[in-house]
Amino acid sequence: MAVEFKDDNFQNLVIESDKPVLVDFWAEWCGPCRMVGPIVEELATEYNGKAVIGKLNVDENANVSVEYGIRSIPTLLIFKNGKIADKIVGAVPKAVLKEKLEAVLQA
């Protein structure tokens, strides 16, 4: 199951993580976000133990969204060692997300 990231746990769960982290920035009203959501859930199961995968609702967590300049959603950021390793904007197929995640895992 995907982790629920929030303003108050982002530092601990994402920045300080010893594993790569995929963060899906989304909102309830966003159609493309609803397309990506189930893919993020699948990846959370598939990469359990290898990466931390979760979602951050931009409407409920404005601080992190502003800090990372999220202007379009869905935006997916992949963090490694507390820094952004890759960025995906818009709804993309699962294969694209897996490819980007694998590249960060192997880097």
Protein backbone atom coordinates (compact mmCIF):
# COMPACT_ATOMS: atom_id res chain seq x y z
CA MET A 1 0.00 0.00 0.00
CA ALA A 2 1.25 3.47 -0.87
CA VAL A 3 2.49 5.67 1.96
CA GLU A 4 0.59 8.89 2.66
CA PHE A 5 3.12 11.71 2.70
CA LYS A 6 2.23 14.96 4.47
CA ASP A 7 3.93 18.25 5.28
CA ASP A 8 4.75 16.97 8.78
CA ASN A 9 6.26 13.59 7.79
CA PHE A 10 7.93 14.46 4.46
CA GLN A 11 11.36 15.20 5.96
CA ASN A 12 11.44 11.94 7.89
CA LEU A 13 9.87 9.61 5.29
CA VAL A 14 11.31 11.10 2.09
CA ILE A 15 14.38 13.25 2.66
CA GLU A 16 15.90 11.03 5.36
CA SER A 17 14.96 7.70 3.72
CA ASP A 18 17.76 5.21 3.11
CA LYS A 19 15.83 3.91 0.08
CA PRO A 20 14.75 5.69 -3.12
CA VAL A 21 11.34 7.35 -2.72
CA LEU A 22 8.67 7.97 -5.37
CA VAL A 23 6.23 10.75 -4.44
CA ASP A 24 3.01 11.19 -6.42
CA PHE A 25 1.76 14.78 -6.03
CA TRP A 26 -2.01 14.62 -6.65
CA ALA A 27 -5.45 16.02 -5.80
CA GLU A 28 -8.98 14.57 -5.62
CA TRP A 29 -10.30 16.77 -8.43
CA CYS A 30 -7.52 15.87 -10.89
CA GLY A 31 -8.64 13.41 -13.59
CA PRO A 32 -5.16 12.36 -14.74
CA CYS A 33 -4.21 11.85 -11.07
CA ARG A 34 -6.97 9.26 -10.79
CA MET A 35 -5.39 7.42 -13.73
CA VAL A 36 -1.94 7.38 -12.10
CA GLY A 37 -3.18 6.54 -8.57
CA PRO A 38 -3.79 2.80 -9.12
CA ILE A 39 -0.38 2.49 -10.83
CA VAL A 40 1.29 4.07 -7.80
CA GLU A 41 -0.51 1.57 -5.55
CA GLU A 42 0.71 -1.34 -7.72
CA LEU A 43 4.28 -0.05 -7.66
CA ALA A 44 4.12 0.31 -3.87
CA THR A 45 3.41 -3.42 -3.64
CA GLU A 46 5.92 -4.44 -6.30
CA TYR A 47 8.78 -2.38 -4.85
CA ASN A 48 8.04 -3.10 -1.17
CA GLY A 49 11.39 -3.31 0.61
CA LYS A 50 13.32 -1.81 -2.34
CA ALA A 51 11.78 1.67 -2.49
CA VAL A 52 9.28 3.81 -0.60
CA ILE A 53 6.30 4.74 -2.77
CA GLY A 54 3.50 7.05 -1.81
CA LYS A 55 1.26 10.01 -2.48
CA LEU A 56 1.01 13.59 -1.30
CA ASN A 57 -2.29 15.46 -1.63
CA VAL A 58 -1.33 18.98 -2.82
CA ASP A 59 -4.56 20.52 -1.50
CA GLU A 60 -3.89 19.27 2.03
CA ASN A 61 -0.10 19.73 2.07
CA ALA A 62 0.75 23.07 0.48
CA ASN A 63 4.14 23.55 2.16
CA VAL A 64 5.90 20.63 0.45
CA SER A 65 4.11 21.34 -2.83
CA VAL A 66 5.32 24.95 -2.83
CA GLU A 67 8.83 23.97 -1.71
CA TYR A 68 9.24 21.70 -4.75
CA GLY A 69 7.50 24.06 -7.19
CA ILE A 70 4.63 21.71 -8.04
CA ARG A 71 2.52 23.60 -10.58
CA SER A 72 1.03 20.75 -12.60
CA ILE A 73 -0.40 17.52 -11.29
CA PRO A 74 0.15 14.70 -11.36
CA THR A 75 3.84 15.30 -10.82
CA LEU A 76 5.93 12.38 -9.63
CA LEU A 77 9.31 13.01 -8.06
CA ILE A 78 11.84 10.28 -7.37
CA PHE A 79 14.20 11.08 -4.51
CA LYS A 80 17.49 9.37 -3.75
CA ASN A 81 19.63 10.36 -0.76
CA GLY A 82 17.28 13.27 -0.04
CA LYS A 83 17.65 14.83 -3.49
CA ILE A 84 15.44 14.75 -6.59
CA ALA A 85 16.81 12.08 -8.94
CA ASP A 86 14.01 12.24 -11.54
CA LYS A 87 10.77 14.05 -12.30
CA ILE A 88 7.72 12.99 -14.29
CA VAL A 89 4.94 15.46 -15.07
CA GLY A 90 1.57 14.21 -16.28
CA ALA A 91 -0.07 10.82 -16.54
CA VAL A 92 2.33 8.25 -17.95
CA PRO A 93 2.09 4.47 -18.41
CA LYS A 94 3.27 2.14 -15.66
CA ALA A 95 6.18 1.01 -17.84
CA VAL A 96 7.59 4.56 -17.87
CA LEU A 97 7.41 4.84 -14.07
CA LYS A 98 9.04 1.43 -13.63
CA GLU A 99 11.83 2.33 -16.05
CA LYS A 100 12.58 5.59 -14.21
CA LEU A 101 12.41 3.90 -10.81
CA GLU A 102 14.70 1.07 -11.93
CA ALA A 103 17.23 3.59 -13.26
CA VAL A 104 17.36 5.32 -9.86
CA LEU A 105 17.56 2.01 -7.99
CA GLN A 106 20.53 0.93 -10.09
CA ALA A 107 22.34 4.28 -10.02
